[in-house]
Amino acid sequence: MKQMRRDFMKALRSAARTALLALCAIGPLSVSAQTPPNVLIVGQVAEPKSLDPHAVTAVNDFRILMNLYEGLVQYKDGTLEVEPALAESWTVSEDGKTYTFELRDGVKFHDGTPLTADAVKFNFDRMLDENHPYHNTGPFPLSFFFSSIENVEAVDPQTVRFTLNAPYAPFLSNLAYPTGLIVSPEAVKKHGKDFGRQPSGTGPFRFAEWASNTKVVVVRNDDYWGDKAKLEAVVFRPITDANTRVAEMLAGSIDIMVEVPPNALSEFQNNRYQVVEQAGPHVWFLILNAKEGPFADKRMRQAVNYAINKKALVEGVLEGTAEVAAGPTPPAFAWAYNDSLQPYPYDPEKAKALIKEAGQEGAKLTFYVTEGGSGMLDPVPMGTAIQADLKAVGLDAAIETYEWNTFLGKVNPGLEGKADMAEMAWMTNDPDTLPYLALRTDAWPDKGGFNSGYYSNPEVDKLLEAAREATDQNERAKLYREMQEIVQEDAPWVFVANWKQNAVTNDQVQDFKLQPSFFLILKDVQK
């Protein structure tokens, strides 16, 4: 056994060393730069916050994590439909409150420990039980996803049972989301709060190195239970500045670039590159501080929705890569989307009238803008254009710009006492996710949610709670459509855009595709 462990570690170090040595040969912006063979270099939009899937919220981080970890279930390729992953099968009780999963045999974490029902139970107890000995390795900001879980039971080594406190329609979908990915309990016990720097999952790639603000390196897991990854290694490089990402892609220093700035797409319209697009559930919006200041008045919230020329943003800044948003639910959720809603029209005179009626002419606003981040598209030019539109109706918005993780550290705890408005984008897996976590009264930041603008409407709260428990999709759809009407009228956000995600690869990359989930699934990619 000891010899096997030594051989395993030797092989891991060898694979990591090969990838890292090859990476070191890459010149940052040399025109002759060549990325190493069978090692994929991905240009990310930001530095990850953590490699603990239970501790993060950003798609930027998820793009790495989905290659290191797996959940009980996963999204079927090209869809948001759920299919088996670590669980081979499952059953649901007639009352919709009990889910029983049968685990695959022979699956091991990267640290060599086995996947068992006890390991699965550890994952959810760690997030949800404040008395769990490793709950202090959090916080776990999206544990909201699993607030319906009353109990997790290891029935036998390969069977795990979840008992919910009520029927919960998005449960399987949430298990497929990164918050439901299964981590190694032994690795958490060993590394504690540092687990996010020493991750261990069951995925097709295993962690090799994280050099802060430089790269995260993962290597092929040759002990993977399923079909092995084609690539030897993947290097995720954080390149916050969009223009720098474009320059590095053109120079040959990276193989894949995610979130291509719209004004750079024409640079890649030749046979050296492939531009990949995929519609998905995305909303780009402005959070408005409804608790204090000018936006505590609904008239002011409606005024800025009229004041901002969203069509010009979509067609100009974003160069047609998105559509104007009508409300909080993206049209990608066709079954739940209220297509009777029309976006707020651009009407600066209407905006001025509402501002005057509210007694807020010349109001000064603090506006948080991010340099980049998951789904934020082109946030600085977007913020500047929005600032100009607000100035045209007499509102003085002072922009404060922050790096993505710093930005989240300011916005997620709430805007009270700090700002009047902030840019934000969400990419979600279910029509429940965004409104439940960011529009309910019980989702205010001090209650653990992401309602950073403190919006509160008891009717919206009731509709969202009812939609969670409705097992009939038509009934859920009716509830979500009614919620959208109320939220659009209340205008807790400025509803700006629904984006079609994109990426570009060089001509060495094969079998790469984007997913509606916005995750990067790289197991079958070749180079």
Protein backbone atom coordinates (compact mmCIF):
# COMPACT_ATOMS: atom_id res chain seq x y z
CA MET A 1 0.00 0.00 0.00
CA LYS A 2 2.80 2.43 0.90
CA GLN A 3 4.55 1.64 -2.39
CA MET A 4 1.31 2.31 -4.29
CA ARG A 5 0.94 5.63 -2.53
CA ARG A 6 4.55 6.58 -3.35
CA ASP A 7 4.01 5.63 -6.99
CA PHE A 8 0.79 7.66 -7.08
CA MET A 9 2.46 10.78 -5.64
CA LYS A 10 5.43 10.36 -7.97
CA ALA A 11 3.13 10.21 -10.98
CA LEU A 12 1.19 13.25 -9.79
CA ARG A 13 4.35 15.28 -9.25
CA SER A 14 5.66 14.23 -12.66
CA ALA A 15 2.46 15.28 -14.43
CA ALA A 16 2.33 18.59 -12.59
CA ARG A 17 6.02 19.25 -13.26
CA THR A 18 5.55 18.57 -16.98
CA ALA A 19 2.66 21.01 -17.16
CA LEU A 20 4.41 23.68 -15.13
CA LEU A 21 7.72 23.48 -16.98
CA ALA A 22 5.86 23.72 -20.27
CA LEU A 23 3.94 26.72 -18.99
CA CYS A 24 7.11 28.53 -17.96
CA ALA A 25 8.18 28.51 -21.62
CA ILE A 26 5.27 30.75 -22.55
CA GLY A 27 6.26 34.35 -23.14
CA PRO A 28 3.49 36.69 -21.88
CA LEU A 29 2.95 38.61 -25.10
CA SER A 30 5.49 37.28 -27.55
CA VAL A 31 4.10 37.04 -31.07
CA SER A 32 5.94 33.72 -31.44
CA ALA A 33 4.55 32.34 -28.17
CA GLN A 34 3.44 28.76 -28.32
CA THR A 35 1.46 27.01 -25.64
CA PRO A 36 2.78 23.54 -24.72
CA PRO A 37 1.32 20.45 -26.43
CA ASN A 38 -1.59 18.74 -24.68
CA VAL A 39 -1.66 21.46 -22.01
CA LEU A 40 -4.63 23.83 -22.34
CA ILE A 41 -4.13 27.45 -21.25
CA VAL A 42 -7.41 29.19 -20.36
CA GLY A 43 -7.67 32.97 -19.98
CA GLN A 44 -10.04 33.59 -17.07
CA VAL A 45 -11.68 36.91 -16.17
CA ALA A 46 -10.46 37.02 -12.55
CA GLU A 47 -8.49 35.30 -9.81
CA PRO A 48 -10.56 32.59 -8.10
CA LYS A 49 -11.61 33.30 -4.55
CA SER A 50 -11.32 29.67 -3.42
CA LEU A 51 -11.26 26.13 -4.82
CA ASP A 52 -13.74 24.95 -2.20
CA PRO A 53 -17.02 24.65 -4.16
CA HIS A 54 -19.12 25.23 -1.05
CA ALA A 55 -17.41 28.54 -0.27
CA VAL A 56 -17.73 30.44 -3.58
CA THR A 57 -20.46 32.08 -5.64
CA ALA A 58 -18.82 33.19 -8.90
CA VAL A 59 -19.00 31.40 -12.26
CA ASN A 60 -15.35 32.38 -12.72
CA ASP A 61 -14.50 29.96 -9.88
CA PHE A 62 -17.07 27.37 -11.00
CA ARG A 63 -15.33 27.06 -14.38
CA ILE A 64 -12.34 25.54 -12.59
CA LEU A 65 -14.24 23.59 -9.97
CA MET A 66 -16.45 21.63 -12.39
CA ASN A 67 -13.30 19.89 -13.63
CA LEU A 68 -12.01 18.97 -10.16
CA TYR A 69 -15.22 17.80 -8.53
CA GLU A 70 -18.49 16.04 -9.30
CA GLY A 71 -21.93 16.01 -7.74
CA LEU A 72 -24.45 13.26 -7.19
CA VAL A 73 -26.03 14.45 -10.44
CA GLN A 74 -24.93 16.72 -13.26
CA TYR A 75 -26.38 18.71 -16.15
CA LYS A 76 -26.72 16.70 -19.33
CA ASP A 77 -24.42 17.96 -22.07
CA GLY A 78 -25.90 21.00 -23.78
CA THR A 79 -28.88 21.29 -21.42
CA LEU A 80 -29.95 22.15 -17.88
CA GLU A 81 -31.58 18.72 -17.53
CA VAL A 82 -30.29 16.52 -14.71
CA GLU A 83 -28.63 13.12 -15.26
CA PRO A 84 -26.65 10.70 -13.04
CA ALA A 85 -23.07 11.46 -11.99
CA LEU A 86 -21.68 10.10 -8.70
CA ALA A 87 -25.13 8.65 -8.06
CA GLU A 88 -26.05 5.94 -10.54
CA SER A 89 -29.75 6.28 -9.76
CA TRP A 90 -32.26 7.78 -7.34
CA THR A 91 -35.86 7.54 -6.25
CA VAL A 92 -38.27 10.19 -4.95
CA SER A 93 -41.05 9.48 -2.46
CA GLU A 94 -44.67 10.13 -3.41
CA ASP A 95 -44.86 13.16 -1.12
CA GLY A 96 -41.77 14.69 -2.79
CA LYS A 97 -39.88 14.96 0.49
CA THR A 98 -37.49 11.99 0.40
CA TYR A 99 -34.72 11.43 -2.18
CA THR A 100 -32.66 8.22 -2.05
CA PHE A 101 -29.46 7.96 -4.10
CA GLU A 102 -27.43 4.87 -5.00
CA LEU A 103 -23.72 5.72 -5.37
CA ARG A 104 -21.33 4.34 -7.96
CA ASP A 105 -18.96 1.63 -6.79
CA GLY A 106 -15.20 2.14 -6.74
CA VAL A 107 -15.08 5.95 -6.94
CA LYS A 108 -12.16 7.55 -5.08
CA PHE A 109 -11.28 11.10 -4.20
CA HIS A 110 -7.97 12.50 -5.46
CA ASP A 111 -6.45 11.84 -2.03
CA GLY A 112 -7.19 8.13 -2.42
CA THR A 113 -10.08 7.92 0.04
CA PRO A 114 -13.34 6.28 -1.11
CA LEU A 115 -16.60 7.97 -2.00
CA THR A 116 -19.20 6.66 0.45
CA ALA A 117 -22.62 7.67 1.75
CA ASP A 118 -20.88 8.93 4.90
CA ALA A 119 -18.70 11.20 2.75
CA VAL A 120 -21.79 12.63 1.04
CA LYS A 121 -23.46 13.17 4.42
CA PHE A 122 -20.32 14.97 5.67
CA ASN A 123 -20.54 17.45 2.77
CA PHE A 124 -24.07 18.58 3.49
CA ASP A 125 -23.79 18.46 7.27
CA ARG A 126 -20.66 20.61 7.02
CA MET A 127 -22.61 23.30 5.16
CA LEU A 128 -25.91 23.14 7.04
CA ASP A 129 -25.19 22.10 10.65
CA GLU A 130 -23.74 24.91 12.74
CA ASN A 131 -22.61 22.34 15.32
CA HIS A 132 -20.69 20.24 12.79
CA PRO A 133 -16.98 20.13 13.72
CA TYR A 134 -15.98 21.47 10.29
CA HIS A 135 -18.72 24.07 9.82
CA ASN A 136 -16.09 26.66 10.76
CA THR A 137 -14.26 25.95 7.48
CA GLY A 138 -16.91 28.14 5.78
CA PRO A 139 -18.71 30.46 5.35
CA PHE A 140 -20.96 28.73 2.84
CA PRO A 141 -22.80 31.57 1.05
CA LEU A 142 -24.97 29.39 -1.20
CA SER A 143 -26.02 26.87 1.44
CA PHE A 144 -29.41 28.53 0.88
CA PHE A 145 -29.67 26.10 -2.03
CA PHE A 146 -30.13 23.30 0.47
CA SER A 147 -32.10 24.99 3.22
CA SER A 148 -34.95 22.52 2.62
CA ILE A 149 -32.80 19.58 3.81
CA GLU A 150 -33.97 18.32 7.20
CA ASN A 151 -31.73 15.28 7.44
CA VAL A 152 -29.07 13.37 5.49
CA GLU A 153 -28.73 9.67 6.31
CA ALA A 154 -26.11 7.14 5.24
CA VAL A 155 -28.43 4.13 4.82
CA ASP A 156 -25.50 1.88 3.91
CA PRO A 157 -22.04 2.54 2.40
CA GLN A 158 -23.49 3.11 -1.09
CA THR A 159 -26.93 4.57 -0.28
CA VAL A 160 -27.64 8.09 0.95
CA ARG A 161 -31.09 9.47 1.78
CA PHE A 162 -32.13 13.14 1.94
CA THR A 163 -35.26 14.09 3.85
CA LEU A 164 -36.67 17.54 3.07
CA ASN A 165 -38.90 19.66 5.27
CA ALA A 166 -41.28 20.22 2.33
CA PRO A 167 -41.47 19.35 -1.36
CA TYR A 168 -38.78 21.37 -3.11
CA ALA A 169 -38.94 21.48 -6.91
CA PRO A 170 -35.38 22.77 -7.64
CA PHE A 171 -33.65 20.17 -5.41
CA LEU A 172 -32.11 17.98 -8.14
CA SER A 173 -31.11 21.01 -10.19
CA ASN A 174 -29.38 22.51 -7.16
CA LEU A 175 -27.52 19.25 -6.53
CA ALA A 176 -26.05 19.61 -10.04
CA TYR A 177 -24.89 23.17 -9.26
CA PRO A 178 -21.33 23.66 -7.94
CA THR A 179 -22.62 24.12 -4.38
CA GLY A 180 -23.65 20.46 -4.58
CA LEU A 181 -20.22 19.18 -5.63
CA ILE A 182 -18.78 16.54 -3.32
CA VAL A 183 -15.44 17.21 -1.59
CA SER A 184 -13.17 14.80 0.26
CA PRO A 185 -14.00 14.80 3.99
CA GLU A 186 -10.47 13.63 4.84
CA ALA A 187 -8.96 16.55 2.90
CA VAL A 188 -11.23 19.00 4.77
CA LYS A 189 -10.20 17.43 8.08
CA LYS A 190 -6.52 17.67 7.12
CA HIS A 191 -6.47 21.21 5.73
CA GLY A 192 -9.34 22.88 7.61
CA LYS A 193 -9.84 26.47 6.47
CA ASP A 194 -7.02 25.99 3.94
CA PHE A 195 -8.97 23.31 2.05
CA GLY A 196 -9.82 25.89 -0.64
CA ARG A 197 -6.09 25.98 -1.41
CA GLN A 198 -5.63 22.19 -1.24
CA PRO A 199 -8.77 20.82 -2.95
CA SER A 200 -9.63 17.16 -3.42
CA GLY A 201 -12.60 15.91 -5.41
CA THR A 202 -13.42 12.98 -7.69
CA GLY A 203 -13.28 14.78 -11.05
CA PRO A 204 -11.34 14.04 -14.25
CA PHE A 205 -8.63 16.55 -13.24
CA ARG A 206 -6.78 16.86 -9.94
CA PHE A 207 -5.24 19.95 -8.36
CA ALA A 208 -1.51 20.60 -8.89
CA GLU A 209 -0.70 24.24 -8.04
CA TRP A 210 -2.16 27.67 -7.34
CA ALA A 211 0.19 30.62 -7.76
CA SER A 212 -1.78 33.66 -6.62
CA ASN A 213 -2.73 36.09 -9.39
CA THR A 214 -0.76 33.98 -11.88
CA LYS A 215 -2.26 30.54 -12.48
CA VAL A 216 -4.18 27.54 -11.19
CA VAL A 217 -2.85 24.27 -12.62
CA VAL A 218 -4.83 21.01 -12.73
CA VAL A 219 -3.56 17.72 -14.17
CA ARG A 220 -5.29 14.67 -15.58
CA ASN A 221 -6.67 12.24 -12.98
CA ASP A 222 -5.42 8.91 -14.31
CA ASP A 223 -7.41 7.09 -11.60
CA TYR A 224 -10.71 8.64 -12.72
CA TRP A 225 -13.67 6.24 -12.56
CA GLY A 226 -14.98 7.17 -16.01
CA ASP A 227 -13.41 7.98 -19.37
CA LYS A 228 -10.07 9.72 -18.79
CA ALA A 229 -9.49 13.34 -19.80
CA LYS A 230 -7.78 13.84 -23.15
CA LEU A 231 -5.59 16.71 -21.93
CA GLU A 232 -2.51 16.22 -19.76
CA ALA A 233 -3.14 19.44 -17.86
CA VAL A 234 -5.12 22.69 -17.83
CA VAL A 235 -3.73 26.04 -16.70
CA PHE A 236 -6.28 28.69 -15.69
CA ARG A 237 -4.75 32.16 -15.88
CA PRO A 238 -6.52 35.18 -14.31
CA ILE A 239 -6.32 38.06 -16.80
CA THR A 240 -8.62 40.72 -15.39
CA ASP A 241 -8.18 43.33 -18.10
CA ALA A 242 -10.22 42.39 -21.16
CA ASN A 243 -7.85 44.11 -23.60
CA THR A 244 -4.92 42.18 -22.15
CA ARG A 245 -6.84 38.92 -22.56
CA VAL A 246 -7.45 39.78 -26.20
CA ALA A 247 -3.78 40.66 -26.74
CA GLU A 248 -2.62 37.40 -25.13
CA MET A 249 -5.06 35.39 -27.25
CA LEU A 250 -3.83 37.07 -30.43
CA ALA A 251 -0.21 36.54 -29.37
CA GLY A 252 -0.74 32.82 -28.84
CA SER A 253 -0.12 32.84 -25.08
CA ILE A 254 -3.51 31.31 -24.27
CA ASP A 255 -5.59 28.68 -26.06
CA ILE A 256 -9.07 29.66 -24.85
CA MET A 257 -10.42 33.04 -23.86
CA VAL A 258 -13.78 33.30 -22.12
CA GLU A 259 -16.07 36.32 -22.23
CA VAL A 260 -14.66 37.97 -25.33
CA PRO A 261 -15.30 41.74 -25.30
CA PRO A 262 -17.84 42.53 -28.01
CA ASN A 263 -15.58 45.08 -29.69
CA ALA A 264 -12.87 42.42 -30.07
CA LEU A 265 -14.94 39.69 -31.76
CA SER A 266 -13.96 40.87 -35.23
CA GLU A 267 -10.30 40.16 -34.38
CA PHE A 268 -11.08 36.44 -34.32
CA GLN A 269 -13.11 36.09 -37.51
CA ASN A 270 -10.53 34.03 -39.40
CA ASN A 271 -9.44 30.40 -39.69
CA ARG A 272 -6.87 30.72 -36.90
CA TYR A 273 -9.68 30.89 -34.34
CA GLN A 274 -13.11 29.55 -33.54
CA VAL A 275 -15.68 31.79 -31.84
CA VAL A 276 -18.15 29.74 -29.79
CA GLU A 277 -21.51 31.08 -28.57
CA GLN A 278 -24.20 29.60 -26.34
CA ALA A 279 -27.40 31.13 -24.99
CA GLY A 280 -27.92 30.70 -21.28
CA PRO A 281 -29.82 32.04 -18.27
CA HIS A 282 -28.05 35.34 -17.63
CA VAL A 283 -29.19 38.72 -16.27
CA TRP A 284 -27.05 41.88 -16.14
CA PHE A 285 -28.60 44.48 -13.82
CA LEU A 286 -28.02 47.32 -11.39
CA ILE A 287 -28.80 46.71 -7.74
CA LEU A 288 -30.54 49.76 -6.26
CA ASN A 289 -30.35 50.54 -2.53
CA ALA A 290 -34.05 50.44 -1.66
CA LYS A 291 -33.42 50.82 2.07
CA GLU A 292 -32.03 54.35 2.22
CA GLY A 293 -31.26 57.35 0.04
CA PRO A 294 -32.95 58.29 -3.25
CA PHE A 295 -33.84 54.71 -4.27
CA ALA A 296 -35.92 54.07 -1.16
CA ASP A 297 -38.58 55.78 -3.30
CA LYS A 298 -40.05 53.52 -5.99
CA ARG A 299 -40.48 56.52 -8.29
CA MET A 300 -36.72 56.99 -8.33
CA ARG A 301 -36.11 53.32 -9.06
CA GLN A 302 -38.53 53.51 -11.97
CA ALA A 303 -36.94 56.79 -13.09
CA VAL A 304 -33.48 55.27 -13.58
CA ASN A 305 -35.03 52.38 -15.51
CA TYR A 306 -36.47 54.97 -17.90
CA ALA A 307 -33.30 57.10 -17.87
CA ILE A 308 -30.85 54.42 -19.03
CA ASN A 309 -30.76 53.73 -22.75
CA LYS A 310 -30.47 49.96 -22.53
CA LYS A 311 -30.87 49.44 -26.26
CA ALA A 312 -27.85 51.68 -26.86
CA LEU A 313 -25.88 49.70 -24.27
CA VAL A 314 -26.76 46.38 -25.91
CA GLU A 315 -26.19 47.52 -29.49
CA GLY A 316 -23.29 49.90 -28.80
CA VAL A 317 -21.16 48.81 -25.85
CA LEU A 318 -22.09 45.12 -26.19
CA GLU A 319 -22.28 45.22 -30.01
CA GLY A 320 -25.41 43.10 -30.25
CA THR A 321 -24.17 40.20 -28.12
CA ALA A 322 -27.09 40.58 -25.70
CA GLU A 323 -30.75 41.59 -25.61
CA VAL A 324 -32.48 44.18 -23.44
CA ALA A 325 -33.82 42.59 -20.25
CA ALA A 326 -37.46 43.03 -19.28
CA GLY A 327 -37.28 41.76 -15.71
CA PRO A 328 -35.48 39.52 -13.22
CA THR A 329 -35.99 36.21 -15.06
CA PRO A 330 -33.96 35.48 -18.20
CA PRO A 331 -35.89 34.30 -21.29
CA ALA A 332 -33.64 31.18 -21.44
CA PHE A 333 -36.08 29.76 -18.85
CA ALA A 334 -38.77 29.71 -21.51
CA TRP A 335 -41.27 27.71 -19.45
CA ALA A 336 -41.17 30.23 -16.56
CA TYR A 337 -40.54 33.46 -18.47
CA ASN A 338 -43.27 36.10 -18.64
CA ASP A 339 -43.09 37.12 -22.29
CA SER A 340 -45.94 39.60 -21.86
CA LEU A 341 -43.56 41.98 -20.07
CA GLN A 342 -41.91 44.68 -22.14
CA PRO A 343 -38.61 46.32 -21.13
CA TYR A 344 -38.77 49.80 -19.65
CA PRO A 345 -38.55 52.10 -22.70
CA TYR A 346 -35.84 54.74 -22.91
CA ASP A 347 -37.76 57.86 -21.88
CA PRO A 348 -35.57 60.55 -20.27
CA GLU A 349 -38.47 62.99 -20.04
CA LYS A 350 -40.51 60.46 -18.07
CA ALA A 351 -37.45 59.91 -15.87
CA LYS A 352 -37.09 63.65 -15.22
CA ALA A 353 -40.77 63.92 -14.30
CA LEU A 354 -40.51 61.08 -11.78
CA ILE A 355 -37.31 62.54 -10.30
CA LYS A 356 -39.02 65.91 -9.88
CA GLU A 357 -42.09 64.27 -8.35
CA ALA A 358 -39.83 62.49 -5.85
CA GLY A 359 -38.04 65.74 -5.02
CA GLN A 360 -34.65 64.31 -5.99
CA GLU A 361 -33.43 66.68 -8.71
CA GLY A 362 -29.64 66.85 -8.68
CA ALA A 363 -29.34 63.86 -6.36
CA LYS A 364 -25.80 62.61 -5.82
CA LEU A 365 -25.30 58.85 -6.12
CA THR A 366 -22.45 56.47 -5.30
CA PHE A 367 -22.13 53.85 -8.04
CA TYR A 368 -20.03 50.68 -7.60
CA VAL A 369 -18.49 49.38 -10.83
CA THR A 370 -16.27 46.30 -11.22
CA GLU A 371 -13.21 45.97 -13.45
CA GLY A 372 -14.34 42.52 -14.57
CA GLY A 373 -15.90 39.33 -13.30
CA SER A 374 -18.21 36.46 -14.15
CA GLY A 375 -20.85 37.52 -16.66
CA MET A 376 -20.10 41.21 -16.19
CA LEU A 377 -19.46 41.63 -19.95
CA ASP A 378 -17.75 45.03 -20.40
CA PRO A 379 -18.43 46.56 -16.97
CA VAL A 380 -16.33 49.73 -17.06
CA PRO A 381 -17.66 51.03 -20.42
CA MET A 382 -21.15 49.94 -19.32
CA GLY A 383 -20.78 51.91 -16.09
CA THR A 384 -19.48 54.99 -17.88
CA ALA A 385 -22.38 54.96 -20.37
CA ILE A 386 -24.89 54.53 -17.54
CA GLN A 387 -23.29 57.41 -15.64
CA ALA A 388 -23.74 59.63 -18.72
CA ASP A 389 -27.41 58.67 -19.10
CA LEU A 390 -28.06 59.51 -15.45
CA LYS A 391 -26.29 62.85 -15.80
CA ALA A 392 -28.58 63.67 -18.74
CA VAL A 393 -31.60 63.48 -16.40
CA GLY A 394 -29.91 65.47 -13.63
CA LEU A 395 -28.48 62.69 -11.44
CA ASP A 396 -24.83 62.90 -10.39
CA ALA A 397 -23.46 59.34 -10.14
CA ALA A 398 -19.90 59.08 -8.79
CA ILE A 399 -18.28 55.83 -9.93
CA GLU A 400 -16.07 53.77 -7.61
CA THR A 401 -14.28 50.97 -9.45
CA TYR A 402 -12.97 47.78 -7.81
CA GLU A 403 -11.30 44.49 -8.73
CA TRP A 404 -13.87 41.66 -8.85
CA ASN A 405 -13.29 39.92 -5.53
CA THR A 406 -12.92 43.26 -3.74
CA PHE A 407 -16.13 44.39 -5.45
CA LEU A 408 -18.00 41.30 -4.21
CA GLY A 409 -16.64 41.93 -0.73
CA LYS A 410 -18.29 45.35 -0.80
CA VAL A 411 -21.56 44.47 -2.56
CA ASN A 412 -22.50 41.09 -1.09
CA PRO A 413 -22.66 42.32 2.54
CA GLY A 414 -25.14 45.00 1.40
CA LEU A 415 -25.04 48.56 0.09
CA GLU A 416 -26.29 50.22 3.28
CA GLY A 417 -24.10 53.14 4.29
CA LYS A 418 -21.84 52.64 1.27
CA ALA A 419 -23.49 52.98 -2.12
CA ASP A 420 -26.75 53.72 -3.91
CA MET A 421 -26.28 51.34 -6.81
CA ALA A 422 -23.98 48.60 -8.04
CA GLU A 423 -23.48 46.57 -11.19
CA MET A 424 -24.24 42.85 -10.97
CA ALA A 425 -24.73 39.80 -13.18
CA TRP A 426 -26.09 36.36 -12.34
CA MET A 427 -25.96 33.13 -14.31
CA THR A 428 -28.34 30.61 -12.80
CA ASN A 429 -29.54 27.03 -13.12
CA ASP A 430 -33.22 27.41 -12.21
CA PRO A 431 -35.79 30.25 -12.26
CA ASP A 432 -35.95 29.92 -8.48
CA THR A 433 -32.28 30.72 -7.83
CA LEU A 434 -31.78 34.41 -8.50
CA PRO A 435 -35.07 35.80 -7.12
CA TYR A 436 -35.02 33.51 -4.09
CA LEU A 437 -31.46 34.45 -3.16
CA ALA A 438 -31.56 38.12 -4.16
CA LEU A 439 -35.13 39.46 -3.98
CA ARG A 440 -36.75 37.89 -0.90
CA THR A 441 -36.98 39.79 2.37
CA ASP A 442 -35.35 36.83 4.13
CA ALA A 443 -32.43 37.07 1.69
CA TRP A 444 -31.17 40.39 3.07
CA PRO A 445 -27.38 40.16 3.64
CA ASP A 446 -27.72 40.06 7.43
CA LYS A 447 -29.81 36.89 6.97
CA GLY A 448 -27.25 35.23 4.73
CA GLY A 449 -28.67 36.09 1.30
CA PHE A 450 -27.68 38.29 -1.62
CA ASN A 451 -30.47 40.89 -1.52
CA SER A 452 -27.85 43.62 -1.29
CA GLY A 453 -30.36 46.37 -2.11
CA TYR A 454 -32.78 45.34 0.71
CA TYR A 455 -35.83 44.99 -1.53
CA SER A 456 -38.89 43.72 0.33
CA ASN A 457 -42.37 42.83 -0.90
CA PRO A 458 -44.42 40.29 1.10
CA GLU A 459 -46.35 39.22 -2.00
CA VAL A 460 -43.12 38.40 -3.84
CA ASP A 461 -41.96 36.44 -0.79
CA LYS A 462 -45.16 34.36 -0.81
CA LEU A 463 -44.97 33.66 -4.54
CA LEU A 464 -41.36 32.51 -4.35
CA GLU A 465 -42.01 30.24 -1.39
CA ALA A 466 -45.05 28.72 -3.12
CA ALA A 467 -43.12 28.17 -6.36
CA ARG A 468 -40.48 26.19 -4.48
CA GLU A 469 -43.06 23.72 -3.19
CA ALA A 470 -45.11 23.36 -6.38
CA THR A 471 -44.25 20.04 -7.99
CA ASP A 472 -46.33 20.81 -11.09
CA GLN A 473 -44.26 22.84 -13.55
CA ASN A 474 -47.29 24.70 -14.95
CA GLU A 475 -48.17 25.88 -11.45
CA ARG A 476 -44.56 26.93 -10.82
CA ALA A 477 -44.55 28.86 -14.10
CA LYS A 478 -47.73 30.74 -13.16
CA LEU A 479 -46.22 31.79 -9.83
CA TYR A 480 -42.93 32.93 -11.39
CA ARG A 481 -44.71 34.97 -14.06
CA GLU A 482 -46.77 36.77 -11.43
CA MET A 483 -43.60 37.46 -9.43
CA GLN A 484 -41.94 38.98 -12.50
CA GLU A 485 -44.81 41.43 -13.00
CA ILE A 486 -44.60 42.71 -9.42
CA VAL A 487 -40.81 42.97 -9.44
CA GLN A 488 -40.75 44.83 -12.73
CA GLU A 489 -43.23 47.37 -11.32
CA ASP A 490 -41.32 47.74 -8.03
CA ALA A 491 -38.02 48.12 -9.96
CA PRO A 492 -35.56 47.06 -7.22
CA TRP A 493 -33.02 46.76 -10.03
CA VAL A 494 -32.36 48.40 -13.35
CA PHE A 495 -33.00 45.51 -15.74
CA VAL A 496 -30.31 45.89 -18.41
CA ALA A 497 -29.35 42.86 -20.49
CA ASN A 498 -29.55 39.12 -21.13
CA TRP A 499 -26.26 37.96 -22.61
CA LYS A 500 -25.34 35.23 -25.04
CA GLN A 501 -22.07 33.87 -23.63
CA ASN A 502 -19.06 33.46 -25.88
CA ALA A 503 -15.50 32.18 -25.96
CA VAL A 504 -12.75 31.93 -28.54
CA THR A 505 -10.27 29.09 -29.10
CA ASN A 506 -7.22 28.82 -31.31
CA ASP A 507 -7.03 26.29 -34.12
CA GLN A 508 -5.17 23.74 -31.95
CA VAL A 509 -8.20 23.18 -29.72
CA GLN A 510 -10.75 20.52 -30.66
CA ASP A 511 -14.09 19.36 -29.21
CA PHE A 512 -14.58 22.46 -27.07
CA LYS A 513 -18.13 23.65 -26.42
CA LEU A 514 -19.88 26.05 -24.08
CA GLN A 515 -22.69 24.90 -21.82
CA PRO A 516 -26.00 26.65 -20.99
CA SER A 517 -24.85 26.43 -17.35
CA PHE A 518 -21.89 28.75 -18.21
CA PHE A 519 -19.47 26.16 -16.80
CA LEU A 520 -16.37 24.92 -18.64
CA ILE A 521 -16.40 21.14 -18.98
CA LEU A 522 -12.96 20.22 -20.34
CA LYS A 523 -12.73 16.42 -19.97
CA ASP A 524 -13.30 15.73 -23.68
CA VAL A 525 -11.35 18.69 -25.06
CA GLN A 526 -8.28 17.85 -27.15
CA LYS A 527 -5.30 19.90 -28.24
